[in-house]
Structures are given as structure tokens and as C-alpha cells.
């Protein structure tokens, strides 16, 4: 399998290049199980967030959960939110929004319990993700914050993939290109 070598948060990693469509391949950035990478990325994202005033952190299930947990731990935050991909029995009266992500073929939904939505009301929320590419998951998280009555304080990710790196409304640590079938950068 072809790979792409990159440096992020001072660490070198080999990302497998994976097919999304016949003409689009991506470098799969997976933090699950990589404690060293998770800790370093959380540290560096918190440095980027120093000038952002926020009350809570929010991410979408699932790949960014270790990242947001580590960011909360390092920053001393006692609470953060996870937009779930399905309603859970412990979620009172959940709110939901549609989510279309580049790495998931079908339309998904993101859910937030009304208890968490109530805590978010009137607060500034910093949205965190591992990779921002098309911005579909980002839009869904923004919509959840708005439905809950909160304000989006900022948007950040470890990597900005493809055209997302040209966005001026996000902060990120590194650019991640997209690829041709032969592994060359588009």
C-alpha cells in the first residue's frame, strides 16, 4: 500500500493512501491508539486556541474523541461535548442534524442530548476535529451548536485536507494533500 510521510506536532507519521472514489484518494490520518501523537496534537492545538475565547470544546464521534479528551485534560476543562452518531438511551430528548462526511458513504446524523444542549446555551463553543476536508462534519457540528443556543467560537483541526487548507475560518496544524490513484499529490 502506498503511504504519505508527514510531520505533525513535531512527529513523523506514515499515512496509508486510501481510495475514496476512482479519482480521489486520501491519506488516512488515524490517531486511535497513538497516544504520543494524540498528546502532541492536543498540546499544539491548545497553543493555537490561546487567542480564542471559549467555554466548551465539541467534537464529533469517533476519531477525535481521544484528541478532545486530551485537550480537556491538558487545559483543565471539566466538561466537553461529543456529537454522537446515534441517539443513546441516556440522552434525554436529543436534538439532531444531518452530517455528510467524505469518509462515510451514507448520510449520517449527529446527536446531542438536551442536557448537553442546555449547558451549551449562551456559551461559546470551540469545534475540534482530526481532519477537515469537505467541511460536512464541521457544518453539522456548527448546526448543533446553533440549535442548542450556543455560539461557535472557532473551528480547528489537526489537518486541513485538500482545498480546506485554503479556508480562512479554520485553524489547523498541517496541510494534508489529496492524491491520485498512483499516490502522487493532486
N, C-alpha and C. Protein backbone atom coordinates (compact mmCIF):
# COMPACT_ATOMS: atom_id res chain seq x y z
N UNK A 1 0.84 -1.18 0.00
CA UNK A 1 0.00 0.00 0.00
C UNK A 1 0.89 1.24 0.00
N UNK A 2 0.52 2.21 -0.82
CA UNK A 2 1.26 3.47 -0.87
C UNK A 2 1.01 4.25 0.42
N UNK A 3 2.01 5.01 0.84
CA UNK A 3 1.87 5.84 2.03
C UNK A 3 2.35 7.26 1.73
N UNK A 4 1.97 8.17 2.61
CA UNK A 4 2.40 9.56 2.53
C UNK A 4 3.07 9.88 3.86
N UNK A 5 4.30 10.38 3.81
CA UNK A 5 5.04 10.73 5.02
C UNK A 5 4.77 12.18 5.36
N UNK A 6 4.40 12.42 6.62
CA UNK A 6 4.20 13.81 7.04
C UNK A 6 4.67 14.03 8.47
N UNK A 7 4.93 15.29 8.76
CA UNK A 7 5.28 15.74 10.10
C UNK A 7 4.08 16.48 10.66
N UNK A 8 3.69 16.14 11.86
CA UNK A 8 2.60 16.85 12.54
C UNK A 8 2.92 16.89 14.03
N UNK A 9 2.80 18.06 14.60
CA UNK A 9 3.08 18.26 16.03
C UNK A 9 4.47 17.74 16.40
N UNK A 10 5.41 17.92 15.48
CA UNK A 10 6.79 17.51 15.72
C UNK A 10 7.05 16.02 15.57
N UNK A 11 6.07 15.27 15.10
CA UNK A 11 6.21 13.83 14.95
C UNK A 11 6.05 13.41 13.49
N UNK A 12 6.83 12.42 13.09
CA UNK A 12 6.76 11.91 11.72
C UNK A 12 5.83 10.70 11.70
N UNK A 13 4.90 10.69 10.74
CA UNK A 13 3.98 9.57 10.59
C UNK A 13 3.83 9.21 9.12
N UNK A 14 3.58 7.91 8.87
CA UNK A 14 3.29 7.38 7.54
C UNK A 14 1.79 7.16 7.45
N UNK A 15 1.14 7.86 6.51
CA UNK A 15 -0.30 7.72 6.35
C UNK A 15 -0.60 6.83 5.15
N UNK A 16 -1.37 5.76 5.33
CA UNK A 16 -1.74 4.95 4.18
C UNK A 16 -2.63 5.75 3.24
N UNK A 17 -2.41 5.61 1.94
CA UNK A 17 -3.23 6.32 0.96
C UNK A 17 -4.40 5.40 0.60
N UNK A 18 -5.62 5.90 0.81
CA UNK A 18 -6.83 5.10 0.67
C UNK A 18 -7.78 5.69 -0.37
N UNK A 19 -8.44 4.81 -1.09
CA UNK A 19 -9.38 5.20 -2.14
C UNK A 19 -10.71 5.67 -1.54
N UNK A 20 -11.16 6.85 -1.98
CA UNK A 20 -12.49 7.35 -1.63
C UNK A 20 -13.40 7.18 -2.85
N UNK A 21 -12.93 7.63 -4.01
CA UNK A 21 -13.62 7.42 -5.28
C UNK A 21 -12.54 7.06 -6.30
N UNK A 22 -12.95 6.78 -7.53
CA UNK A 22 -11.97 6.41 -8.57
C UNK A 22 -10.92 7.49 -8.80
N UNK A 23 -11.30 8.75 -8.58
CA UNK A 23 -10.34 9.84 -8.83
C UNK A 23 -9.95 10.61 -7.57
N UNK A 24 -10.27 10.07 -6.41
CA UNK A 24 -9.89 10.74 -5.16
C UNK A 24 -9.38 9.72 -4.15
N UNK A 25 -8.16 9.94 -3.70
CA UNK A 25 -7.52 9.13 -2.67
C UNK A 25 -7.07 10.08 -1.56
N UNK A 26 -7.14 9.60 -0.33
CA UNK A 26 -6.76 10.43 0.82
C UNK A 26 -5.70 9.73 1.65
N UNK A 27 -4.95 10.53 2.39
CA UNK A 27 -4.02 10.00 3.39
C UNK A 27 -4.80 9.77 4.67
N UNK A 28 -4.92 8.52 5.09
CA UNK A 28 -5.72 8.17 6.27
C UNK A 28 -4.96 8.56 7.55
N UNK A 29 -5.47 9.58 8.22
CA UNK A 29 -4.87 10.06 9.46
C UNK A 29 -5.69 9.50 10.62
N UNK A 30 -5.13 8.53 11.31
CA UNK A 30 -5.84 7.86 12.40
C UNK A 30 -5.04 8.04 13.69
N UNK A 31 -5.66 8.71 14.66
CA UNK A 31 -5.00 8.93 15.95
C UNK A 31 -5.29 7.82 16.95
N UNK A 32 -6.34 7.03 16.69
CA UNK A 32 -6.67 5.94 17.62
C UNK A 32 -5.44 5.09 17.90
N UNK A 33 -5.16 4.87 19.16
CA UNK A 33 -4.07 4.01 19.55
C UNK A 33 -2.70 4.65 19.54
N UNK A 34 -2.59 5.90 19.08
CA UNK A 34 -1.30 6.58 19.02
C UNK A 34 -1.28 7.67 20.09
N UNK A 35 -0.98 7.25 21.31
CA UNK A 35 -1.02 8.18 22.45
C UNK A 35 -0.03 9.32 22.28
N UNK A 36 1.16 9.05 21.78
CA UNK A 36 2.17 10.09 21.59
C UNK A 36 1.64 11.17 20.65
N UNK A 37 1.04 10.77 19.55
CA UNK A 37 0.50 11.72 18.58
C UNK A 37 -0.67 12.50 19.15
N UNK A 38 -1.55 11.83 19.87
CA UNK A 38 -2.72 12.48 20.47
C UNK A 38 -2.29 13.57 21.45
N UNK A 39 -1.35 13.25 22.30
CA UNK A 39 -0.87 14.23 23.30
C UNK A 39 -0.20 15.42 22.61
N UNK A 40 0.63 15.16 21.62
CA UNK A 40 1.34 16.24 20.92
C UNK A 40 0.37 17.13 20.14
N UNK A 41 -0.59 16.53 19.45
CA UNK A 41 -1.56 17.33 18.69
C UNK A 41 -2.44 18.16 19.61
N UNK A 42 -2.88 17.58 20.73
CA UNK A 42 -3.69 18.34 21.69
C UNK A 42 -2.91 19.54 22.21
N UNK A 43 -1.65 19.34 22.54
CA UNK A 43 -0.78 20.42 23.03
C UNK A 43 -0.70 21.55 22.00
N UNK A 44 -0.44 21.18 20.74
CA UNK A 44 -0.26 22.20 19.71
C UNK A 44 -1.57 22.88 19.33
N UNK A 45 -2.69 22.16 19.36
CA UNK A 45 -3.98 22.80 19.09
C UNK A 45 -4.34 23.78 20.21
N UNK A 46 -4.03 23.42 21.45
CA UNK A 46 -4.29 24.35 22.55
C UNK A 46 -3.46 25.62 22.42
N UNK A 47 -2.26 25.52 21.88
CA UNK A 47 -1.46 26.73 21.62
C UNK A 47 -2.16 27.60 20.59
N UNK A 48 -2.72 26.98 19.55
CA UNK A 48 -3.47 27.75 18.54
C UNK A 48 -4.72 28.39 19.13
N UNK A 49 -5.29 27.75 20.14
CA UNK A 49 -6.54 28.22 20.73
C UNK A 49 -6.33 29.29 21.80
N UNK A 50 -5.09 29.66 22.08
CA UNK A 50 -4.84 30.63 23.16
C UNK A 50 -5.54 31.96 22.95
N UNK A 51 -5.74 32.36 21.70
CA UNK A 51 -6.40 33.64 21.43
C UNK A 51 -7.90 33.51 21.17
N UNK A 52 -8.43 32.33 21.35
CA UNK A 52 -9.86 32.09 21.14
C UNK A 52 -10.54 32.01 22.50
N UNK A 53 -11.57 32.81 22.68
CA UNK A 53 -12.33 32.77 23.93
C UNK A 53 -13.45 31.76 23.78
N UNK A 54 -13.43 30.70 24.58
CA UNK A 54 -14.45 29.67 24.50
C UNK A 54 -14.75 29.10 25.89
N UNK A 55 -15.96 28.53 26.02
CA UNK A 55 -16.38 27.90 27.27
C UNK A 55 -16.25 26.39 27.22
N UNK A 56 -16.54 25.82 26.04
CA UNK A 56 -16.55 24.37 25.89
C UNK A 56 -15.91 23.96 24.58
N UNK A 57 -15.47 22.70 24.54
CA UNK A 57 -14.99 22.05 23.33
C UNK A 57 -16.06 21.07 22.84
N UNK A 58 -16.15 20.92 21.51
CA UNK A 58 -17.09 19.97 20.91
C UNK A 58 -16.40 19.25 19.77
N UNK A 59 -16.62 17.95 19.66
CA UNK A 59 -16.18 17.18 18.50
C UNK A 59 -17.26 16.20 18.12
N UNK A 60 -17.08 15.57 16.96
CA UNK A 60 -18.00 14.53 16.51
C UNK A 60 -17.38 13.17 16.78
N UNK A 61 -18.22 12.22 17.09
CA UNK A 61 -17.82 10.84 17.24
C UNK A 61 -17.23 10.34 15.92
N UNK A 62 -16.15 9.65 15.81
CA UNK A 62 -15.48 8.97 16.89
C UNK A 62 -13.99 9.26 16.89
N UNK A 63 -13.38 9.51 15.71
CA UNK A 63 -11.91 9.56 15.67
C UNK A 63 -11.30 10.68 16.50
N UNK A 64 -12.05 11.73 16.77
CA UNK A 64 -11.49 12.87 17.51
C UNK A 64 -11.73 12.79 19.01
N UNK A 65 -12.37 11.75 19.48
CA UNK A 65 -12.65 11.65 20.91
C UNK A 65 -11.37 11.63 21.75
N UNK A 66 -10.37 10.82 21.42
CA UNK A 66 -9.14 10.89 22.23
C UNK A 66 -8.49 12.28 22.21
N UNK A 67 -8.57 12.95 21.06
CA UNK A 67 -7.99 14.28 20.93
C UNK A 67 -8.68 15.29 21.83
N UNK A 68 -10.00 15.34 21.79
CA UNK A 68 -10.71 16.33 22.61
C UNK A 68 -10.56 16.01 24.10
N UNK A 69 -10.52 14.73 24.43
CA UNK A 69 -10.30 14.36 25.83
C UNK A 69 -8.94 14.86 26.30
N UNK A 70 -7.94 14.66 25.48
CA UNK A 70 -6.59 15.11 25.86
C UNK A 70 -6.52 16.63 25.91
N UNK A 71 -7.21 17.31 25.00
CA UNK A 71 -7.24 18.78 25.06
C UNK A 71 -7.89 19.25 26.35
N UNK A 72 -8.98 18.61 26.74
CA UNK A 72 -9.65 18.97 28.00
C UNK A 72 -8.74 18.69 29.19
N UNK A 73 -8.07 17.55 29.17
CA UNK A 73 -7.16 17.20 30.27
C UNK A 73 -6.04 18.21 30.40
N UNK A 74 -5.40 18.54 29.27
CA UNK A 74 -4.28 19.47 29.31
C UNK A 74 -4.72 20.89 29.69
N UNK A 75 -5.91 21.28 29.30
CA UNK A 75 -6.37 22.65 29.57
C UNK A 75 -7.08 22.79 30.91
N UNK A 76 -7.38 21.67 31.55
CA UNK A 76 -8.08 21.71 32.83
C UNK A 76 -9.59 21.83 32.69
N UNK A 77 -10.11 21.65 31.48
CA UNK A 77 -11.56 21.72 31.28
C UNK A 77 -12.23 20.53 31.97
N UNK A 78 -13.33 20.80 32.64
CA UNK A 78 -14.04 19.74 33.34
C UNK A 78 -15.13 19.09 32.49
N UNK A 79 -15.48 19.73 31.38
CA UNK A 79 -16.58 19.23 30.55
C UNK A 79 -16.28 19.52 29.09
N UNK A 80 -16.58 18.56 28.23
CA UNK A 80 -16.54 18.75 26.78
C UNK A 80 -17.70 17.96 26.19
N UNK A 81 -18.02 18.23 24.94
CA UNK A 81 -19.17 17.59 24.31
C UNK A 81 -18.76 16.75 23.12
N UNK A 82 -19.46 15.64 22.94
CA UNK A 82 -19.27 14.78 21.78
C UNK A 82 -20.61 14.64 21.07
N UNK A 83 -20.64 15.04 19.81
CA UNK A 83 -21.82 14.84 18.98
C UNK A 83 -21.80 13.37 18.57
N UNK A 84 -22.82 12.63 18.97
CA UNK A 84 -22.87 11.19 18.74
C UNK A 84 -23.50 10.87 17.39
N UNK A 85 -23.15 9.73 16.82
CA UNK A 85 -23.68 9.32 15.52
C UNK A 85 -25.01 8.60 15.62
N UNK A 86 -25.47 8.41 16.83
CA UNK A 86 -26.78 7.80 17.05
C UNK A 86 -27.30 8.22 18.41
N UNK A 87 -28.63 8.26 18.57
CA UNK A 87 -29.18 8.60 19.88
C UNK A 87 -28.88 7.48 20.88
N UNK A 88 -28.61 7.84 22.10
CA UNK A 88 -28.32 6.87 23.16
C UNK A 88 -29.44 6.92 24.20
N UNK A 89 -29.66 5.81 24.88
CA UNK A 89 -30.75 5.76 25.85
C UNK A 89 -30.56 6.77 26.99
N UNK A 90 -29.33 7.14 27.26
CA UNK A 90 -29.07 8.09 28.34
C UNK A 90 -29.20 9.54 27.88
N UNK A 91 -29.49 9.78 26.61
CA UNK A 91 -29.64 11.14 26.10
C UNK A 91 -31.10 11.58 26.23
N UNK A 92 -31.38 12.52 27.11
CA UNK A 92 -32.76 12.99 27.20
C UNK A 92 -33.11 13.85 25.98
N UNK A 93 -34.20 13.51 25.32
CA UNK A 93 -34.77 14.33 24.24
C UNK A 93 -33.70 14.90 23.31
N UNK A 94 -32.95 14.04 22.60
CA UNK A 94 -31.83 14.52 21.79
C UNK A 94 -32.24 15.38 20.61
N UNK A 95 -31.37 16.32 20.27
CA UNK A 95 -31.51 17.09 19.04
C UNK A 95 -30.58 16.47 18.02
N UNK A 96 -30.88 16.65 16.73
CA UNK A 96 -30.03 16.05 15.71
C UNK A 96 -29.93 16.93 14.48
N UNK A 97 -28.87 16.72 13.72
CA UNK A 97 -28.66 17.39 12.44
C UNK A 97 -28.06 16.38 11.48
N UNK A 98 -28.21 16.61 10.18
CA UNK A 98 -27.61 15.75 9.16
C UNK A 98 -26.13 16.04 9.04
N UNK A 99 -25.37 14.99 8.72
CA UNK A 99 -23.92 15.09 8.56
C UNK A 99 -23.51 14.28 7.35
N UNK A 100 -22.80 14.92 6.44
CA UNK A 100 -22.26 14.21 5.27
C UNK A 100 -20.74 14.38 5.31
N UNK A 101 -20.04 13.25 5.48
CA UNK A 101 -18.59 13.24 5.61
C UNK A 101 -17.96 12.55 4.42
N UNK A 102 -16.77 12.98 4.04
CA UNK A 102 -16.06 12.40 2.90
C UNK A 102 -15.68 10.93 3.14
N UNK A 103 -15.48 10.54 4.39
CA UNK A 103 -15.02 9.19 4.68
C UNK A 103 -16.16 8.21 4.98
N UNK A 104 -17.40 8.69 4.94
CA UNK A 104 -18.57 7.84 5.16
C UNK A 104 -19.49 7.99 3.96
N UNK A 105 -19.85 6.87 3.34
CA UNK A 105 -20.62 6.92 2.11
C UNK A 105 -22.05 7.41 2.31
N UNK A 106 -22.71 6.99 3.37
CA UNK A 106 -24.12 7.32 3.58
C UNK A 106 -24.27 8.60 4.40
N UNK A 107 -25.44 9.22 4.26
CA UNK A 107 -25.78 10.36 5.10
C UNK A 107 -25.86 9.88 6.54
N UNK A 108 -25.28 10.64 7.45
CA UNK A 108 -25.33 10.33 8.88
C UNK A 108 -26.09 11.44 9.59
N UNK A 109 -26.33 11.23 10.85
CA UNK A 109 -26.87 12.26 11.72
C UNK A 109 -25.94 12.40 12.91
N UNK A 110 -25.89 13.58 13.47
CA UNK A 110 -25.18 13.81 14.72
C UNK A 110 -26.21 14.21 15.77
N UNK A 111 -26.03 13.67 16.98
CA UNK A 111 -26.99 13.88 18.07
C UNK A 111 -26.32 14.49 19.28
N UNK A 112 -27.11 15.29 19.99
CA UNK A 112 -26.67 15.89 21.25
C UNK A 112 -27.86 15.82 22.19
N UNK A 113 -27.64 15.33 23.41
CA UNK A 113 -28.71 15.27 24.40
C UNK A 113 -29.16 16.67 24.80
N UNK A 114 -30.44 16.79 25.17
CA UNK A 114 -30.94 18.11 25.57
C UNK A 114 -30.25 18.62 26.83
N UNK A 115 -29.73 17.71 27.67
CA UNK A 115 -28.99 18.14 28.86
C UNK A 115 -27.70 18.85 28.46
N UNK A 116 -26.99 18.28 27.48
CA UNK A 116 -25.77 18.94 26.98
C UNK A 116 -26.13 20.22 26.23
N UNK A 117 -27.21 20.18 25.46
CA UNK A 117 -27.64 21.38 24.73
C UNK A 117 -27.94 22.51 25.70
N UNK A 118 -28.55 22.18 26.82
CA UNK A 118 -28.87 23.21 27.82
C UNK A 118 -27.59 23.83 28.39
N UNK A 119 -26.57 23.01 28.64
CA UNK A 119 -25.29 23.54 29.13
C UNK A 119 -24.63 24.44 28.08
N UNK A 120 -24.84 24.12 26.82
CA UNK A 120 -24.23 24.86 25.71
C UNK A 120 -24.92 26.21 25.44
N UNK A 121 -26.20 26.31 25.83
CA UNK A 121 -26.98 27.52 25.56
C UNK A 121 -26.29 28.76 26.13
N UNK A 122 -26.09 29.74 25.26
CA UNK A 122 -25.48 31.00 25.66
C UNK A 122 -23.96 30.95 25.83
N UNK A 123 -23.37 29.81 25.50
CA UNK A 123 -21.93 29.64 25.69
C UNK A 123 -21.19 29.65 24.35
N UNK A 124 -19.88 29.89 24.43
CA UNK A 124 -19.01 29.89 23.25
C UNK A 124 -18.35 28.52 23.14
N UNK A 125 -18.49 27.91 21.96
CA UNK A 125 -18.04 26.55 21.76
C UNK A 125 -16.96 26.50 20.68
N UNK A 126 -15.85 25.86 21.00
CA UNK A 126 -14.76 25.66 20.06
C UNK A 126 -14.92 24.27 19.46
N UNK A 127 -15.10 24.20 18.15
CA UNK A 127 -15.28 22.93 17.45
C UNK A 127 -13.90 22.39 17.07
N UNK A 128 -13.68 21.11 17.38
CA UNK A 128 -12.39 20.46 17.15
C UNK A 128 -12.63 19.20 16.32
N UNK A 129 -11.76 18.95 15.35
CA UNK A 129 -11.84 17.72 14.55
C UNK A 129 -10.43 17.25 14.26
N UNK A 130 -10.30 16.00 13.85
CA UNK A 130 -8.98 15.50 13.48
C UNK A 130 -8.59 16.01 12.10
N UNK A 131 -9.51 15.90 11.13
CA UNK A 131 -9.26 16.35 9.76
C UNK A 131 -10.48 17.09 9.25
N UNK A 132 -10.26 18.24 8.65
CA UNK A 132 -11.34 18.95 7.95
C UNK A 132 -11.03 18.84 6.47
N UNK A 133 -11.98 18.29 5.72
CA UNK A 133 -11.78 18.17 4.27
C UNK A 133 -12.89 18.91 3.54
N UNK A 134 -14.04 18.30 3.35
CA UNK A 134 -15.13 18.99 2.66
C UNK A 134 -15.86 19.96 3.57
N UNK A 135 -15.74 19.78 4.87
CA UNK A 135 -16.41 20.64 5.83
C UNK A 135 -17.79 20.17 6.21
N UNK A 136 -18.21 18.99 5.75
CA UNK A 136 -19.55 18.48 6.06
C UNK A 136 -19.77 18.26 7.54
N UNK A 137 -18.85 17.58 8.20
CA UNK A 137 -18.99 17.33 9.64
C UNK A 137 -18.90 18.64 10.42
N UNK A 138 -18.06 19.54 9.96
CA UNK A 138 -17.93 20.85 10.60
C UNK A 138 -19.27 21.60 10.56
N UNK A 139 -19.92 21.61 9.38
CA UNK A 139 -21.23 22.26 9.25
C UNK A 139 -22.26 21.64 10.19
N UNK A 140 -22.23 20.31 10.29
CA UNK A 140 -23.18 19.63 11.17
C UNK A 140 -22.94 20.02 12.63
N UNK A 141 -21.68 20.07 13.05
CA UNK A 141 -21.40 20.48 14.43
C UNK A 141 -21.79 21.93 14.68
N UNK A 142 -21.56 22.80 13.69
CA UNK A 142 -21.99 24.20 13.81
C UNK A 142 -23.50 24.27 13.99
N UNK A 143 -24.23 23.48 13.21
CA UNK A 143 -25.69 23.46 13.30
C UNK A 143 -26.15 22.98 14.67
N UNK A 144 -25.47 21.98 15.24
CA UNK A 144 -25.82 21.52 16.59
C UNK A 144 -25.61 22.62 17.62
N UNK A 145 -24.49 23.31 17.52
CA UNK A 145 -24.22 24.40 18.46
C UNK A 145 -25.31 25.46 18.37
N UNK A 146 -25.67 25.83 17.15
CA UNK A 146 -26.71 26.85 16.95
C UNK A 146 -28.06 26.37 17.46
N UNK A 147 -28.42 25.11 17.18
CA UNK A 147 -29.70 24.57 17.67
C UNK A 147 -29.74 24.55 19.18
N UNK A 148 -28.59 24.36 19.80
CA UNK A 148 -28.52 24.34 21.26
C UNK A 148 -28.53 25.75 21.86
N UNK A 149 -28.39 26.76 21.01
CA UNK A 149 -28.38 28.13 21.50
C UNK A 149 -27.00 28.65 21.86
N UNK A 150 -25.98 27.93 21.44
CA UNK A 150 -24.61 28.37 21.68
C UNK A 150 -24.07 29.15 20.50
N UNK A 151 -22.84 29.62 20.64
CA UNK A 151 -22.15 30.37 19.60
C UNK A 151 -20.86 29.64 19.25
N UNK A 152 -20.58 29.52 17.97
CA UNK A 152 -19.32 28.90 17.55
C UNK A 152 -18.21 29.92 17.75
N UNK A 153 -17.27 29.59 18.64
CA UNK A 153 -16.15 30.49 18.95
C UNK A 153 -15.00 30.32 17.97
N UNK A 154 -14.91 29.13 17.37
CA UNK A 154 -13.83 28.85 16.44
C UNK A 154 -13.92 27.42 15.96
N UNK A 155 -13.13 27.15 14.93
CA UNK A 155 -13.08 25.82 14.31
C UNK A 155 -11.62 25.44 14.13
N UNK A 156 -11.26 24.24 14.56
CA UNK A 156 -9.87 23.83 14.42
C UNK A 156 -9.76 22.33 14.19
N UNK A 157 -8.65 21.96 13.57
CA UNK A 157 -8.38 20.56 13.30
C UNK A 157 -6.88 20.32 13.30
N UNK A 158 -6.51 19.08 13.44
CA UNK A 158 -5.10 18.73 13.31
C UNK A 158 -4.66 18.97 11.88
N UNK A 159 -5.47 18.47 10.91
CA UNK A 159 -5.12 18.59 9.50
C UNK A 159 -6.23 19.23 8.69
N UNK A 160 -5.83 20.04 7.71
CA UNK A 160 -6.77 20.58 6.71
C UNK A 160 -6.43 19.87 5.40
N UNK A 161 -7.39 19.15 4.88
CA UNK A 161 -7.16 18.29 3.72
C UNK A 161 -7.62 18.96 2.43
N UNK A 162 -6.77 18.89 1.42
CA UNK A 162 -7.13 19.42 0.11
C UNK A 162 -7.45 20.90 0.17
N UNK A 163 -8.57 21.28 -0.44
CA UNK A 163 -8.98 22.69 -0.51
C UNK A 163 -9.31 23.30 0.85
N UNK A 164 -9.57 22.48 1.85
CA UNK A 164 -9.86 23.02 3.19
C UNK A 164 -8.70 23.85 3.72
N UNK A 165 -7.49 23.57 3.27
CA UNK A 165 -6.32 24.31 3.73
C UNK A 165 -6.37 25.77 3.30
N UNK A 166 -7.21 26.09 2.32
CA UNK A 166 -7.34 27.47 1.86
C UNK A 166 -8.41 28.26 2.61
N UNK A 167 -9.15 27.59 3.48
CA UNK A 167 -10.20 28.27 4.25
C UNK A 167 -9.57 29.23 5.26
N UNK A 168 -10.22 30.36 5.45
CA UNK A 168 -9.73 31.35 6.41
C UNK A 168 -10.47 31.27 7.75
N UNK A 169 -11.49 30.43 7.84
CA UNK A 169 -12.30 30.34 9.06
C UNK A 169 -11.91 29.17 9.95
N UNK A 170 -10.81 28.49 9.64
CA UNK A 170 -10.36 27.37 10.47
C UNK A 170 -8.89 27.54 10.84
N UNK A 171 -8.52 26.95 11.97
CA UNK A 171 -7.12 26.85 12.39
C UNK A 171 -6.74 25.39 12.28
N UNK A 172 -5.52 25.11 11.87
CA UNK A 172 -5.07 23.73 11.77
C UNK A 172 -3.56 23.68 11.93
N UNK A 173 -3.07 22.48 12.22
CA UNK A 173 -1.63 22.31 12.42
C UNK A 173 -0.87 22.10 11.12
N UNK A 174 -1.42 21.27 10.23
CA UNK A 174 -0.72 20.96 8.97
C UNK A 174 -1.71 20.77 7.83
N UNK A 175 -1.19 20.96 6.61
CA UNK A 175 -1.95 20.68 5.39
C UNK A 175 -1.76 19.21 5.04
N UNK A 176 -2.84 18.59 4.54
CA UNK A 176 -2.77 17.23 4.04
C UNK A 176 -3.29 17.24 2.60
N UNK A 177 -2.44 16.91 1.64
CA UNK A 177 -2.92 16.91 0.26
C UNK A 177 -3.86 15.73 0.00
N UNK A 178 -4.55 15.80 -1.14
CA UNK A 178 -5.29 14.65 -1.63
C UNK A 178 -4.47 14.06 -2.76
N UNK A 179 -4.81 12.84 -3.20
CA UNK A 179 -3.92 12.09 -4.08
C UNK A 179 -4.63 11.51 -5.29
N UNK A 180 -3.82 11.22 -6.31
CA UNK A 180 -4.26 10.45 -7.47
C UNK A 180 -4.15 8.97 -7.12
N UNK A 181 -4.70 8.13 -7.99
CA UNK A 181 -4.67 6.67 -7.77
C UNK A 181 -3.25 6.13 -7.65
N UNK A 182 -2.30 6.76 -8.33
CA UNK A 182 -0.91 6.28 -8.28
C UNK A 182 -0.15 6.76 -7.04
N UNK A 183 -0.82 7.52 -6.15
CA UNK A 183 -0.19 8.00 -4.93
C UNK A 183 0.45 9.36 -5.04
N UNK A 184 0.43 9.93 -6.26
CA UNK A 184 1.01 11.27 -6.44
C UNK A 184 0.01 12.32 -5.93
N UNK A 185 0.54 13.45 -5.48
CA UNK A 185 -0.28 14.54 -4.95
C UNK A 185 -1.05 15.20 -6.09
N UNK A 186 -2.34 15.46 -5.84
CA UNK A 186 -3.19 16.14 -6.83
C UNK A 186 -2.81 17.59 -6.91
